């Protein structure tokens, strides 16, 4: 689905109860050892970023990063869809909520500070409801 209105109407945000940590790892051996435990892996020039469950990050002694929670946008959003990330990030920014977006093949995933997750979910549900009402 690539129509913005349809994506917003169908996004059905779902809060994952798990807490995650974004971890930067420069050792290829450590990346290889942890990639199976990661929710996501992205390689950058400075190292690999892995999104790990909080317990796994702690178990492996990785430096702490802010605890994040994931909100899954349940709509099947096309990779060529335009505007969903901007609409979601803007709605959250307007409420002072930082977010990190991860677009995967089937869905978009919004990572917010765990302390802001309930408010972020409410903001996204409101965004969806406004799109439905139009």
Protein backbone atom coordinates (compact mmCIF):
# COMPACT_ATOMS: atom_id res chain seq x y z
CA UNK A 1 0.00 0.00 0.00
CA UNK A 2 1.50 3.33 -0.99
CA UNK A 3 -1.37 5.85 -0.60
CA UNK A 4 -0.66 7.99 2.48
CA UNK A 5 -4.29 8.30 3.56
CA UNK A 6 -4.81 4.56 3.31
CA UNK A 7 -1.57 3.87 5.20
CA UNK A 8 -2.58 6.23 8.02
CA UNK A 9 -6.08 4.74 8.22
CA UNK A 10 -4.70 1.23 8.38
CA UNK A 11 -1.57 1.70 10.47
CA UNK A 12 -3.08 0.25 13.70
CA UNK A 13 -0.11 1.00 15.98
CA UNK A 14 0.76 -1.79 18.42
CA UNK A 15 3.08 -1.29 21.40
CA UNK A 16 5.55 -4.11 22.01
CA UNK A 17 5.98 -4.68 25.77
CA UNK A 18 9.67 -5.57 25.32
CA UNK A 19 12.39 -3.00 26.05
CA UNK A 20 15.22 -2.64 23.54
CA UNK A 21 18.66 -1.02 23.40
CA UNK A 22 20.40 0.37 20.33
CA UNK A 23 23.98 -0.92 20.52
CA UNK A 24 26.95 0.17 18.41
CA UNK A 25 29.49 -2.59 17.86
CA UNK A 26 32.75 -2.28 15.94
CA UNK A 27 34.04 -5.83 16.29
CA UNK A 28 33.00 -8.08 13.39
CA UNK A 29 33.37 -11.11 15.66
CA UNK A 30 31.02 -9.59 18.24
CA UNK A 31 28.51 -8.65 15.52
CA UNK A 32 28.62 -12.22 14.22
CA UNK A 33 28.04 -13.56 17.73
CA UNK A 34 25.09 -11.23 18.41
CA UNK A 35 23.29 -10.86 15.10
CA UNK A 36 21.07 -13.87 15.80
CA UNK A 37 19.83 -12.19 18.98
CA UNK A 38 19.22 -8.84 17.31
CA UNK A 39 15.90 -7.49 16.15
CA UNK A 40 17.76 -5.45 13.56
CA UNK A 41 21.27 -5.00 12.23
CA UNK A 42 22.48 -2.03 10.20
CA UNK A 43 26.08 -1.49 9.17
CA UNK A 44 27.54 2.02 9.13
CA UNK A 45 31.09 3.24 8.53
CA UNK A 46 31.58 3.65 12.29
CA UNK A 47 30.34 0.15 13.16
CA UNK A 48 27.22 -1.98 13.25
CA UNK A 49 24.07 -0.89 15.04
CA UNK A 50 22.16 -3.76 16.58
CA UNK A 51 18.77 -3.42 18.23
CA UNK A 52 18.80 -5.91 21.09
CA UNK A 53 16.40 -6.80 23.85
CA UNK A 54 17.49 -4.99 26.98
CA UNK A 55 18.31 -8.26 28.76
CA UNK A 56 20.54 -9.47 25.91
CA UNK A 57 22.44 -6.17 25.79
CA UNK A 58 23.03 -6.33 29.54
CA UNK A 59 23.98 -10.01 29.42
CA UNK A 60 26.70 -9.25 26.88
CA UNK A 61 27.96 -6.24 28.83
CA UNK A 62 27.24 -3.71 26.10
CA UNK A 63 27.36 -0.03 27.03
CA UNK A 64 23.97 1.24 28.14
CA UNK A 65 21.85 3.30 25.79
CA UNK A 66 18.40 4.74 26.41
CA UNK A 67 15.73 2.07 26.90
CA UNK A 68 13.40 2.06 23.90
CA UNK A 69 10.08 0.46 23.14
CA UNK A 70 8.84 -0.48 19.72
CA UNK A 71 5.53 0.52 18.20
CA UNK A 72 4.73 -1.61 15.16
CA UNK A 73 2.62 0.02 12.47
CA UNK A 74 0.55 -2.99 11.43
CA UNK A 75 -0.27 -1.65 7.97
CA UNK A 76 1.56 -3.30 5.10
CA UNK A 77 3.37 -0.23 3.79
CA UNK A 78 5.03 -0.39 0.41
CA UNK A 79 8.71 0.43 0.23
CA UNK A 80 7.86 3.09 -2.35
CA UNK A 81 5.11 4.61 -0.20
CA UNK A 82 5.53 8.33 0.43
CA UNK A 83 4.79 10.23 3.62
CA UNK A 84 4.09 7.66 6.34
CA UNK A 85 7.43 8.14 8.09
CA UNK A 86 7.11 11.93 7.85
CA UNK A 87 3.53 11.92 9.17
CA UNK A 88 4.38 9.66 12.11
CA UNK A 89 7.61 11.45 13.02
CA UNK A 90 5.93 14.87 12.72
CA UNK A 91 2.98 13.87 14.92
CA UNK A 92 5.38 12.61 17.58
CA UNK A 93 7.69 15.64 17.26
CA UNK A 94 4.72 17.97 17.73
CA UNK A 95 4.24 16.32 21.14
CA UNK A 96 7.96 16.49 22.01
CA UNK A 97 8.51 12.76 21.54
CA UNK A 98 11.75 11.62 19.93
CA UNK A 99 11.52 8.62 17.63
CA UNK A 100 13.73 6.37 15.58
CA UNK A 101 12.04 4.87 12.54
CA UNK A 102 12.96 1.50 11.10
CA UNK A 103 11.32 0.56 7.83
CA UNK A 104 11.28 -3.15 7.12
CA UNK A 105 9.81 -5.04 4.16
CA UNK A 106 6.30 -5.50 5.57
CA UNK A 107 5.89 -2.86 8.28
CA UNK A 108 7.35 0.31 9.72
CA UNK A 109 8.58 0.27 13.31
CA UNK A 110 8.77 3.28 15.60
CA UNK A 111 11.20 3.20 18.51
CA UNK A 112 10.54 5.69 21.31
CA UNK A 113 11.97 6.16 24.76
CA UNK A 114 10.31 3.66 27.08
CA UNK A 115 9.22 6.54 29.31
CA UNK A 116 7.28 8.06 26.37
CA UNK A 117 5.81 4.88 24.91
CA UNK A 118 2.24 5.18 26.26
CA UNK A 119 1.97 8.81 25.13
CA UNK A 120 3.49 7.94 21.74
CA UNK A 121 0.98 5.15 21.23
CA UNK A 122 -1.89 7.52 22.05
CA UNK A 123 -0.53 10.11 19.58
CA UNK A 124 -0.33 7.53 16.80
CA UNK A 125 -3.80 6.17 17.56
CA UNK A 126 -5.11 9.73 17.36
CA UNK A 127 -3.33 10.23 14.03
CA UNK A 128 -4.99 7.08 12.70
CA UNK A 129 -8.42 8.12 14.00
CA UNK A 130 -8.13 11.55 12.35
CA UNK A 131 -7.27 9.86 9.02
CA UNK A 132 -10.28 7.54 9.37
CA UNK A 133 -12.59 10.49 10.10
CA UNK A 134 -11.61 12.28 6.87
